[in-house]
N, C-alpha and C. Protein backbone atom coordinates (compact mmCIF):
# COMPACT_ATOMS: atom_id res chain seq x y z
N MET A 1 0.58 -1.05 -0.01
CA MET A 1 0.07 0.30 -0.21
C MET A 1 1.13 1.61 0.11
N CYS A 2 0.75 1.99 -1.30
CA CYS A 2 1.65 3.10 -1.24
C CYS A 2 1.05 4.80 -0.91
N ILE A 3 0.63 5.59 0.15
CA ILE A 3 -0.52 6.21 0.33
C ILE A 3 0.02 8.04 0.11
N LYS A 4 -0.32 8.29 -0.92
CA LYS A 4 -0.02 10.16 -1.11
C LYS A 4 -1.49 10.50 -0.67
N PHE A 5 -1.27 11.73 0.07
CA PHE A 5 -1.81 12.81 0.67
C PHE A 5 -1.78 13.93 -0.80
N SER A 6 -2.39 14.82 -1.05
CA SER A 6 -2.50 16.09 -1.95
C SER A 6 -3.28 16.87 -1.00
N ASP A 7 -3.16 18.55 -1.22
CA ASP A 7 -3.49 19.44 -0.91
C ASP A 7 -5.25 20.19 -1.65
N ASP A 8 -4.98 21.14 -1.15
CA ASP A 8 -6.43 21.38 -1.59
C ASP A 8 -6.32 21.62 -2.59
N LEU A 9 -5.67 21.93 -3.79
CA LEU A 9 -5.26 22.27 -5.44
C LEU A 9 -5.58 20.99 -5.81
N GLY A 10 -5.41 19.47 -5.10
CA GLY A 10 -4.67 18.25 -5.31
C GLY A 10 -3.62 17.62 -5.72
N LEU A 11 -2.55 18.94 -5.49
CA LEU A 11 -1.21 18.75 -5.34
C LEU A 11 -0.96 17.42 -4.62
N HIS A 12 0.15 16.69 -4.53
CA HIS A 12 0.75 16.05 -4.12
C HIS A 12 1.69 16.47 -3.19
N GLU A 13 1.45 16.01 -1.48
CA GLU A 13 2.43 16.87 -0.79
C GLU A 13 3.35 15.74 -0.53
N GLU A 14 4.63 16.49 -0.93
CA GLU A 14 5.67 15.54 -1.29
C GLU A 14 6.33 14.96 0.36
N ALA A 15 6.42 13.28 0.15
CA ALA A 15 6.78 12.62 1.64
C ALA A 15 7.29 11.03 0.69
N VAL A 16 7.75 10.33 1.26
CA VAL A 16 8.64 9.17 1.29
C VAL A 16 7.26 8.50 2.64
N ASP A 17 6.84 7.18 2.22
CA ASP A 17 6.13 6.93 2.39
C ASP A 17 7.17 5.21 2.82
N LEU A 18 7.39 5.43 4.14
CA LEU A 18 7.95 4.95 5.19
C LEU A 18 7.34 4.49 6.40
N GLY A 19 5.66 4.50 6.09
CA GLY A 19 4.76 3.93 7.38
C GLY A 19 4.64 5.28 7.28
N GLY A 20 4.70 5.94 7.46
CA GLY A 20 3.64 7.30 8.72
C GLY A 20 2.18 7.56 7.23
N PRO A 21 2.73 7.62 6.16
CA PRO A 21 1.65 8.22 5.70
C PRO A 21 0.02 7.36 5.86
N ARG A 22 0.91 5.92 5.47
CA ARG A 22 0.49 5.08 5.60
C ARG A 22 -0.83 4.64 7.19
N ARG A 23 0.36 4.87 7.84
CA ARG A 23 -0.59 5.20 8.96
C ARG A 23 -1.73 6.02 9.61
N GLU A 24 -1.34 7.04 8.94
CA GLU A 24 -2.34 8.50 9.22
C GLU A 24 -3.12 8.03 8.77
N PHE A 25 -3.15 7.95 7.11
CA PHE A 25 -4.54 7.09 6.28
C PHE A 25 -5.06 6.27 7.00
N LEU A 26 -4.44 5.50 7.51
CA LEU A 26 -5.52 3.55 8.91
C LEU A 26 -6.45 4.72 9.71
N HIS A 27 -5.26 5.83 10.25
CA HIS A 27 -6.05 6.40 11.14
C HIS A 27 -7.34 7.17 10.38
N LEU A 28 -6.70 8.05 9.84
CA LEU A 28 -8.24 8.83 9.37
C LEU A 28 -9.30 8.03 8.79
N LEU A 29 -8.80 6.59 8.14
CA LEU A 29 -9.48 6.24 8.03
C LEU A 29 -10.52 5.45 9.01
N MET A 30 -9.73 4.76 9.29
CA MET A 30 -11.25 4.56 11.21
C MET A 30 -11.80 5.62 11.80
N GLU A 31 -11.41 6.61 12.32
CA GLU A 31 -11.81 7.89 12.33
C GLU A 31 -13.32 8.19 11.13
N ALA A 32 -12.86 7.95 10.70
CA ALA A 32 -14.19 8.72 8.81
C ALA A 32 -15.36 6.84 9.32
N ILE A 33 -14.81 6.46 9.62
CA ILE A 33 -16.28 5.17 9.78
C ILE A 33 -17.09 4.96 10.79
N ALA A 34 -15.98 5.43 12.01
CA ALA A 34 -16.16 5.84 13.68
C ALA A 34 -17.32 6.73 13.58
N GLN A 35 -17.17 8.04 12.70
CA GLN A 35 -18.28 8.97 12.86
C GLN A 35 -19.08 8.59 11.76
N SER A 36 -19.23 8.08 10.98
CA SER A 36 -20.18 7.65 9.75
C SER A 36 -21.53 7.37 10.98
N PRO A 37 -23.17 7.23 10.22
CA PRO A 37 -23.84 7.06 10.32
C PRO A 37 -24.21 6.01 10.59
N MET A 38 -23.10 4.82 9.94
CA MET A 38 -23.72 3.30 10.32
C MET A 38 -23.68 3.10 11.29
N PHE A 39 -22.74 4.19 12.59
CA PHE A 39 -22.55 3.88 13.97
C PHE A 39 -23.57 4.54 14.77
N GLU A 40 -23.96 3.68 16.44
CA GLU A 40 -24.52 5.21 16.87
C GLU A 40 -23.82 4.56 18.51
N GLY A 41 -23.75 5.65 18.95
CA GLY A 41 -23.65 5.60 20.73
C GLY A 41 -22.35 6.88 21.39
N ARG A 42 -22.60 6.48 22.36
CA ARG A 42 -21.38 6.67 23.08
C ARG A 42 -19.25 7.13 22.40
N ASP A 43 -19.28 7.55 23.03
CA ASP A 43 -17.30 7.97 21.84
C ASP A 43 -17.29 7.01 22.20
N GLY A 44 -16.16 5.84 21.36
CA GLY A 44 -15.59 4.51 21.72
C GLY A 44 -16.57 3.65 22.10
N ASN A 45 -17.64 3.67 22.33
CA ASN A 45 -18.85 2.48 22.91
C ASN A 45 -20.00 3.04 22.14
N LEU A 46 -19.50 2.47 20.27
CA LEU A 46 -20.26 2.21 19.55
C LEU A 46 -21.12 0.39 18.21
N ASN A 47 -22.27 1.05 18.44
CA ASN A 47 -22.86 -0.22 18.25
C ASN A 47 -23.00 0.40 16.23
N LEU A 48 -23.68 -0.16 15.83
CA LEU A 48 -23.67 -0.87 14.49
C LEU A 48 -25.23 -0.26 14.59
N ALA A 49 -25.73 0.99 13.51
CA ALA A 49 -26.30 1.91 13.68
C ALA A 49 -27.83 1.54 12.37
N LEU A 50 -28.84 1.28 12.53
CA LEU A 50 -29.84 0.87 10.67
C LEU A 50 -29.88 2.03 10.06
N ASP A 51 -29.06 2.27 9.00
CA ASP A 51 -28.96 3.62 7.90
C ASP A 51 -29.61 2.79 6.97
N SER A 52 -30.66 3.04 6.26
CA SER A 52 -30.87 2.59 5.47
C SER A 52 -30.74 2.64 4.00
N SER A 53 -29.65 3.87 3.68
CA SER A 53 -29.00 4.32 2.32
C SER A 53 -27.86 3.53 2.45
N ALA A 54 -27.04 4.05 3.40
CA ALA A 54 -25.97 2.35 3.78
C ALA A 54 -26.40 1.24 3.59
N LEU A 55 -27.40 0.96 3.99
CA LEU A 55 -28.27 -1.39 3.32
C LEU A 55 -28.47 -0.86 1.84
N ARG A 56 -28.66 0.32 1.40
CA ARG A 56 -28.92 0.02 -0.10
C ARG A 56 -27.71 0.01 -0.88
N GLU A 57 -26.78 0.90 -0.53
CA GLU A 57 -25.14 1.16 -1.28
C GLU A 57 -24.84 0.57 -0.65
N ASP A 58 -24.69 -0.26 -0.16
CA ASP A 58 -24.01 -1.57 0.42
C ASP A 58 -22.30 -0.96 1.22
N ARG A 59 -22.59 0.02 2.02
CA ARG A 59 -21.18 0.91 2.60
C ARG A 59 -21.18 0.09 3.85
N TYR A 60 -22.19 -0.97 4.61
CA TYR A 60 -21.75 -1.78 5.61
C TYR A 60 -20.63 -2.73 4.57
N PHE A 61 -20.84 -3.41 3.92
CA PHE A 61 -19.87 -3.91 3.25
C PHE A 61 -18.07 -3.35 3.04
N ILE A 62 -18.49 -2.74 2.51
CA ILE A 62 -17.38 -1.00 2.66
C ILE A 62 -16.52 -0.96 3.96
N ALA A 63 -17.02 -0.57 4.61
CA ALA A 63 -16.86 -0.38 5.91
C ALA A 63 -16.00 -1.74 6.44
N GLY A 64 -16.66 -2.60 5.89
CA GLY A 64 -15.67 -3.85 6.54
C GLY A 64 -14.96 -3.67 5.92
N GLN A 65 -14.48 -4.07 4.62
CA GLN A 65 -12.94 -4.10 3.85
C GLN A 65 -12.56 -3.08 3.80
N ALA A 66 -12.91 -1.63 4.69
CA ALA A 66 -11.91 -0.51 5.37
C ALA A 66 -11.21 -1.00 6.14
N ILE A 67 -11.88 -1.84 7.36
CA ILE A 67 -11.30 -2.49 9.15
C ILE A 67 -10.32 -3.26 8.82
N ALA A 68 -10.78 -4.46 7.39
CA ALA A 68 -9.93 -5.37 6.85
C ALA A 68 -8.70 -5.06 6.52
N VAL A 69 -8.93 -3.88 5.45
CA VAL A 69 -7.39 -3.65 4.66
C VAL A 69 -6.40 -3.29 6.50
N SER A 70 -6.75 -2.30 7.44
CA SER A 70 -6.84 -1.82 8.15
C SER A 70 -5.50 -1.99 8.92
N LEU A 71 -6.64 -3.87 9.18
CA LEU A 71 -5.78 -4.97 10.30
C LEU A 71 -4.90 -5.42 9.32
N VAL A 72 -4.88 -5.85 8.28
CA VAL A 72 -4.12 -6.31 7.12
C VAL A 72 -2.93 -5.41 7.25
N ASN A 73 -3.14 -3.77 6.70
CA ASN A 73 -1.35 -3.85 6.87
C ASN A 73 -0.72 -2.83 7.89
N GLY A 74 -1.09 -3.55 9.06
CA GLY A 74 -0.99 -2.95 10.33
C GLY A 74 -1.76 -1.74 11.12
N GLY A 75 -2.98 -1.40 10.83
CA GLY A 75 -2.97 0.57 11.45
C GLY A 75 -4.03 -0.30 11.65
N PRO A 76 -4.41 1.13 12.55
CA PRO A 76 -5.19 0.81 13.53
C PRO A 76 -6.33 -0.06 14.05
N PRO A 77 -6.35 -0.85 14.84
CA PRO A 77 -7.73 -1.80 15.16
C PRO A 77 -8.59 -0.34 15.17
N PRO A 78 -10.32 -0.53 15.11
CA PRO A 78 -11.67 -0.32 15.46
C PRO A 78 -11.52 -0.03 16.94
N GLY A 79 -11.08 0.58 17.59
CA GLY A 79 -11.39 1.08 19.34
C GLY A 79 -11.94 1.51 19.15
N PHE A 80 -13.47 1.59 18.59
CA PHE A 80 -14.78 2.32 19.02
C PHE A 80 -16.01 0.98 19.24
N PHE A 81 -15.67 -0.02 18.95
CA PHE A 81 -16.58 -1.31 18.87
C PHE A 81 -17.25 -1.35 20.38
N SER A 82 -18.03 -1.54 20.57
CA SER A 82 -19.10 -1.37 21.86
C SER A 82 -18.66 -2.97 22.42
N SER A 83 -18.39 -3.27 23.66
CA SER A 83 -18.54 -4.33 24.59
C SER A 83 -19.17 -5.73 23.07
N ALA A 84 -21.21 -5.13 23.33
CA ALA A 84 -21.97 -6.00 22.81
C ALA A 84 -21.70 -6.26 21.42
N LEU A 85 -21.07 -5.27 20.16
CA LEU A 85 -20.52 -5.09 18.70
C LEU A 85 -19.87 -6.64 19.21
N TYR A 86 -18.59 -6.06 19.89
CA TYR A 86 -16.51 -6.63 19.68
C TYR A 86 -17.45 -8.29 20.82
N SER A 87 -18.20 -8.60 21.35
CA SER A 87 -18.39 -9.62 21.90
C SER A 87 -19.86 -10.97 20.37
N ARG A 88 -20.38 -9.77 19.49
CA ARG A 88 -21.10 -10.73 18.52
C ARG A 88 -19.99 -11.25 17.58
N LEU A 89 -19.16 -9.64 17.54
CA LEU A 89 -18.29 -10.41 16.58
C LEU A 89 -17.54 -12.33 16.88
N ILE A 90 -17.35 -11.94 17.63
CA ILE A 90 -16.12 -13.09 18.49
C ILE A 90 -17.15 -14.02 18.52
N GLY A 91 -18.41 -13.90 18.89
CA GLY A 91 -18.82 -14.90 20.17
C GLY A 91 -19.98 -14.93 19.11
N GLY A 92 -20.94 -14.13 18.76
CA GLY A 92 -22.03 -14.19 17.37
C GLY A 92 -22.95 -14.34 18.02
N SER A 93 -23.86 -14.45 17.63
CA SER A 93 -26.05 -13.00 19.09
C SER A 93 -25.75 -13.75 20.38
N SER A 94 -25.85 -15.24 20.46
CA SER A 94 -25.79 -15.81 21.69
C SER A 94 -24.74 -15.24 22.66
N ALA A 95 -23.43 -14.54 22.42
CA ALA A 95 -22.86 -14.45 23.41
C ALA A 95 -23.10 -12.62 23.50
N VAL A 96 -23.40 -11.74 23.27
CA VAL A 96 -24.10 -10.63 23.52
C VAL A 96 -24.20 -10.16 24.66
N LYS A 97 -24.50 -9.32 25.07
CA LYS A 97 -25.08 -9.61 26.09
C LYS A 97 -25.31 -8.12 26.86
N PRO A 98 -26.21 -7.13 26.01
CA PRO A 98 -26.23 -5.53 25.71
C PRO A 98 -26.68 -5.18 27.35
N VAL A 99 -26.24 -3.64 27.43
CA VAL A 99 -26.68 -2.56 28.49
C VAL A 99 -27.22 -1.98 28.16
N LEU A 100 -28.14 -0.93 29.51
CA LEU A 100 -29.31 0.32 28.55
C LEU A 100 -28.03 0.94 27.85
N SER A 101 -27.13 0.52 28.38
CA SER A 101 -26.47 2.29 27.57
C SER A 101 -25.95 1.77 26.14
N ASP A 102 -26.41 0.23 25.54
CA ASP A 102 -25.78 0.61 24.53
C ASP A 102 -27.09 1.39 23.53
N ILE A 103 -28.20 1.40 23.57
CA ILE A 103 -29.44 2.00 23.72
C ILE A 103 -28.98 3.61 23.06
N ALA A 104 -28.98 3.93 21.53
CA ALA A 104 -28.08 5.31 21.23
C ALA A 104 -29.42 6.21 20.95
N ASP A 105 -30.93 5.43 20.84
CA ASP A 105 -31.96 6.47 21.00
C ASP A 105 -32.28 7.23 22.25
N ASN A 106 -32.36 8.28 22.77
CA ASN A 106 -32.32 8.77 23.66
C ASN A 106 -33.23 8.55 24.33
N ASP A 107 -34.66 8.79 23.78
CA ASP A 107 -35.75 8.73 24.08
C ASP A 107 -36.54 7.15 24.61
N LEU A 108 -36.02 6.89 23.45
CA LEU A 108 -36.41 4.73 24.00
C LEU A 108 -34.85 4.57 25.24
N HIS A 109 -34.55 4.83 25.23
CA HIS A 109 -33.41 4.99 26.26
C HIS A 109 -33.77 5.05 27.40
N ASP A 110 -34.14 6.28 27.61
CA ASP A 110 -35.50 6.79 29.02
C ASP A 110 -36.25 6.01 29.03
N LYS A 111 -36.98 5.34 28.27
CA LYS A 111 -38.54 4.39 28.62
C LYS A 111 -38.32 3.02 28.83
N VAL A 112 -36.78 3.59 28.83
CA VAL A 112 -36.79 1.90 29.02
C VAL A 112 -36.18 1.09 30.51
N GLN A 113 -35.11 2.75 30.54
CA GLN A 113 -34.55 2.51 31.99
C GLN A 113 -36.03 2.91 33.22
N LYS A 114 -36.67 3.83 32.35
CA LYS A 114 -38.32 4.28 33.76
C LYS A 114 -38.14 2.82 33.62
N MET A 115 -38.63 2.18 32.39
CA MET A 115 -39.52 0.64 32.45
C MET A 115 -39.13 -0.53 33.47
N SER A 116 -37.18 -0.38 33.87
CA SER A 116 -36.60 -0.88 34.50
C SER A 116 -36.72 -0.53 35.88
N GLU A 117 -36.64 0.20 36.28
CA GLU A 117 -36.67 1.27 37.68
C GLU A 117 -38.71 0.95 38.49
N CYS A 118 -39.36 0.95 37.19
CA CYS A 118 -40.66 0.28 37.79
C CYS A 118 -40.57 -0.88 39.39
N THR A 119 -41.17 -0.68 40.29
CA THR A 119 -41.68 -1.16 41.31
C THR A 119 -42.73 -2.42 41.52
N SER A 120 -43.86 -2.15 40.73
CA SER A 120 -44.93 -2.82 40.52
C SER A 120 -45.32 -3.24 39.23
N ILE A 121 -46.47 -3.53 38.82
CA ILE A 121 -47.23 -4.91 37.80
C ILE A 121 -47.64 -3.05 37.33
N GLU A 122 -49.03 -2.81 37.83
CA GLU A 122 -49.41 -1.32 37.84
C GLU A 122 -48.35 -0.54 37.07
N GLU A 123 -47.00 0.03 37.33
CA GLU A 123 -46.45 0.85 37.38
C GLU A 123 -45.48 0.08 35.82
N LEU A 124 -45.31 -0.91 35.87
CA LEU A 124 -44.96 -1.34 34.89
C LEU A 124 -46.18 -1.47 33.64
N ILE A 125 -47.54 -1.65 34.04
CA ILE A 125 -48.23 -1.90 32.42
C ILE A 125 -48.14 -0.40 32.27
N LYS A 126 -48.73 0.51 32.90
CA LYS A 126 -48.28 2.51 32.59
C LYS A 126 -47.39 2.68 32.51
N THR A 127 -45.75 2.39 32.05
CA THR A 127 -44.59 2.64 31.66
C THR A 127 -44.58 2.40 30.31
N THR A 128 -44.86 0.50 30.52
CA THR A 128 -44.75 0.48 28.73
C THR A 128 -46.47 0.49 27.92
N GLU A 129 -47.48 1.00 28.50
CA GLU A 129 -48.62 1.75 27.49
C GLU A 129 -48.20 2.48 25.71
N PRO A 130 -47.28 3.78 26.45
CA PRO A 130 -46.64 4.43 26.11
C PRO A 130 -45.72 3.79 24.41
N LEU A 131 -45.28 2.63 24.91
CA LEU A 131 -44.04 2.05 24.15
C LEU A 131 -45.07 0.91 23.16
N HIS A 132 -46.24 0.89 23.51
CA HIS A 132 -47.10 -0.43 22.87
C HIS A 132 -46.77 -0.65 21.47
N ASP A 133 -47.22 0.18 20.51
CA ASP A 133 -46.53 0.32 19.31
C ASP A 133 -45.18 -0.32 18.54
N TYR A 134 -43.49 -0.15 19.40
CA TYR A 134 -42.56 -0.11 19.60
C TYR A 134 -42.59 -1.78 19.68
N LEU A 135 -43.11 -2.33 21.27
CA LEU A 135 -42.99 -4.00 21.61
C LEU A 135 -43.51 -4.77 21.21
N ALA A 136 -44.97 -4.15 19.85
CA ALA A 136 -45.83 -4.68 18.76
C ALA A 136 -44.69 -5.46 17.25
N ASN A 137 -44.39 -4.25 17.02
CA ASN A 137 -42.96 -4.60 15.99
C ASN A 137 -41.69 -4.68 16.73
N SER A 138 -41.48 -4.41 17.50
CA SER A 138 -40.23 -5.46 17.58
C SER A 138 -40.82 -7.08 17.91
N GLY A 139 -41.14 -7.98 18.51
CA GLY A 139 -41.96 -8.78 19.10
C GLY A 139 -41.58 -8.95 20.51
N CYS A 140 -41.46 -7.69 21.22
CA CYS A 140 -41.23 -8.21 22.80
C CYS A 140 -42.96 -7.56 23.37
N LEU A 141 -43.95 -7.57 22.83
CA LEU A 141 -45.66 -7.36 23.50
C LEU A 141 -45.58 -8.78 23.73
N ARG A 142 -45.89 -8.24 24.85
CA ARG A 142 -46.78 -9.37 25.55
C ARG A 142 -47.42 -9.44 27.48
N HIS A 143 -48.14 -10.28 27.57
CA HIS A 143 -49.15 -10.34 28.43
C HIS A 143 -48.26 -9.90 29.58
N LEU A 144 -48.26 -8.83 30.06
CA LEU A 144 -47.48 -9.04 31.67
C LEU A 144 -48.34 -9.48 32.64
N LYS A 145 -47.97 -10.66 33.14
CA LYS A 145 -48.44 -11.09 34.82
C LYS A 145 -48.02 -10.33 35.78
N THR A 146 -46.86 -10.50 36.06
CA THR A 146 -46.02 -10.15 37.82
C THR A 146 -44.79 -8.98 37.18
N ILE A 147 -44.47 -7.92 38.46
CA ILE A 147 -43.09 -7.26 38.38
C ILE A 147 -42.09 -7.90 37.86
N ASN A 148 -42.31 -9.76 37.87
CA ASN A 148 -41.35 -10.83 37.68
C ASN A 148 -40.62 -10.30 35.76
N ASP A 149 -41.68 -10.10 35.08
CA ASP A 149 -41.25 -10.77 34.11
C ASP A 149 -40.86 -8.12 33.34
N LYS A 150 -40.53 -8.26 34.72
CA LYS A 150 -39.91 -6.43 33.82
C LYS A 150 -38.37 -7.31 33.12
N ASP A 151 -38.25 -7.63 34.02
CA ASP A 151 -36.14 -8.15 33.12
C ASP A 151 -35.92 -8.67 31.82
N LEU A 152 -37.07 -9.49 32.11
CA LEU A 152 -37.37 -10.66 30.72
C LEU A 152 -38.04 -9.44 29.49
N LEU A 153 -38.49 -8.53 29.94
CA LEU A 153 -39.04 -7.56 28.84
C LEU A 153 -38.34 -5.94 28.49
N VAL A 154 -36.77 -6.04 29.29
CA VAL A 154 -36.18 -5.01 28.91
C VAL A 154 -34.90 -6.02 28.01
N GLN A 155 -34.55 -6.99 29.07
CA GLN A 155 -33.80 -7.81 28.36
C GLN A 155 -33.79 -8.47 26.45
N ASP A 156 -35.26 -8.36 26.81
CA ASP A 156 -35.52 -8.36 25.32
C ASP A 156 -35.86 -7.47 24.28
N ILE A 157 -36.34 -5.97 24.78
CA ILE A 157 -36.07 -4.82 24.06
C ILE A 157 -34.06 -4.69 23.84
N LEU A 158 -33.75 -4.81 24.73
CA LEU A 158 -31.92 -4.51 24.31
C LEU A 158 -31.87 -5.73 23.29
N MET A 159 -31.73 -6.60 23.17
CA MET A 159 -31.33 -7.49 22.54
C MET A 159 -32.18 -7.33 20.67
N PHE A 160 -33.43 -6.88 21.17
CA PHE A 160 -34.08 -5.76 19.61
C PHE A 160 -33.20 -4.90 19.65
N GLN A 161 -32.58 -4.26 20.12
CA GLN A 161 -32.80 -2.34 19.71
C GLN A 161 -30.81 -3.25 19.03
N VAL A 162 -30.66 -4.01 19.99
CA VAL A 162 -28.97 -3.42 19.77
C VAL A 162 -28.80 -4.86 18.82
N VAL A 163 -28.60 -5.83 18.70
CA VAL A 163 -28.57 -6.93 18.28
C VAL A 163 -29.80 -7.37 16.57
N HIS A 164 -30.71 -7.43 16.98
CA HIS A 164 -31.95 -8.63 15.70
C HIS A 164 -32.12 -6.95 15.16
N ARG A 165 -32.52 -6.15 15.81
CA ARG A 165 -32.57 -4.45 14.35
C ARG A 165 -31.67 -4.15 12.90
N VAL A 166 -30.82 -5.09 13.75
CA VAL A 166 -29.33 -4.28 12.65
C VAL A 166 -29.05 -5.82 12.29
N THR A 167 -29.41 -7.38 12.27
CA THR A 167 -28.73 -8.12 11.67
C THR A 167 -28.34 -8.57 9.98
N GLY A 168 -29.23 -7.78 9.52
CA GLY A 168 -29.04 -7.63 7.71
C GLY A 168 -27.45 -6.61 7.49
N ALA A 169 -27.92 -5.58 8.29
CA ALA A 169 -26.06 -4.66 8.83
C ALA A 169 -24.86 -4.96 8.68
N PHE A 170 -25.20 -5.36 9.90
CA PHE A 170 -24.77 -7.12 10.73
C PHE A 170 -23.60 -7.81 9.60
N GLU A 171 -24.44 -8.43 8.95
CA GLU A 171 -23.73 -10.05 8.31
C GLU A 171 -22.93 -9.12 7.05
N ARG A 172 -23.67 -8.15 6.16
CA ARG A 172 -22.94 -7.91 5.62
C ARG A 172 -21.70 -6.95 6.39
N PHE A 173 -21.45 -6.36 7.14
CA PHE A 173 -20.12 -5.92 7.70
C PHE A 173 -19.21 -6.89 7.94
N VAL A 174 -19.79 -7.96 8.91
CA VAL A 174 -18.44 -8.95 9.34
C VAL A 174 -17.87 -10.30 8.47
N LEU A 175 -18.69 -9.82 6.77
CA LEU A 175 -18.78 -11.14 6.52
C LEU A 175 -17.69 -10.81 5.35
N VAL A 176 -16.78 -9.59 5.76
CA VAL A 176 -15.55 -8.98 4.65
C VAL A 176 -14.53 -8.56 5.83
N VAL A 177 -14.63 -8.05 7.25
CA VAL A 177 -14.14 -8.43 7.91
C VAL A 177 -13.43 -9.59 8.29
N MET A 178 -14.37 -10.50 8.53
CA MET A 178 -13.75 -11.47 8.90
C MET A 178 -12.96 -12.51 8.10
N TYR A 179 -13.36 -12.31 7.11
CA TYR A 179 -12.84 -13.07 5.78
C TYR A 179 -11.80 -12.55 5.89
N THR A 180 -11.10 -11.58 6.00
CA THR A 180 -10.38 -10.62 4.66
C THR A 180 -9.22 -11.63 6.14
N TYR A 181 -9.62 -10.96 7.22
CA TYR A 181 -8.40 -10.94 7.91
C TYR A 181 -8.09 -12.34 8.89
N VAL A 182 -8.91 -13.18 8.63
CA VAL A 182 -8.33 -15.04 8.21
C VAL A 182 -8.09 -15.01 7.15
N ASP A 183 -7.78 -14.41 6.23
CA ASP A 183 -7.72 -15.02 4.68
C ASP A 183 -6.28 -14.31 5.12
N ASN A 184 -5.88 -13.68 6.12
CA ASN A 184 -4.72 -12.69 5.50
C ASN A 184 -4.00 -13.26 6.41
N LEU A 185 -4.67 -14.09 7.83
CA LEU A 185 -3.97 -14.57 8.51
C LEU A 185 -1.90 -15.37 7.91
N PHE A 186 -3.15 -16.24 6.73
CA PHE A 186 -2.49 -17.53 6.40
C PHE A 186 -2.01 -16.60 4.97
N LEU A 187 -1.90 -16.23 4.64
CA LEU A 187 -1.03 -15.70 3.21
C LEU A 187 0.59 -15.98 3.44
């Protein structure tokens, strides 16, 4: 890989690529990926976001390729992944244990947090009412019988929001990251 930077006029900056320009390019590449709308969450703790234009244009696959290129060429790893996303990459969906802070949507985060703090079944039912459509669309809608149903409901919401909702994007993203990295280990 040979990297040349250019100025605003398109003129190449003079530099001998002994690794510095390559490292700088790969660092900038990781920053651009982390700041893209394909990821959401707090800085340094990002999960995949659901971006329909990125799906349509296969940008998740391209982001996966870019990360693989960085890894294969000794560039920086994607240090911005949340532990949930990292666990899913390494161990699959069953290894993921999302937490409330993994929900990037502030409104949903607040509603789920309020739900998790309920102490009576009446309070839980009242708290879930504004989420009725969301719960139905996510497959989490159920008849709540006791306050003990709260923990399972919260965990189901977290799994849907962080894992299941972005499965299509994840499959395109991980396909190239894992295979490119593994293939280059054996070259």
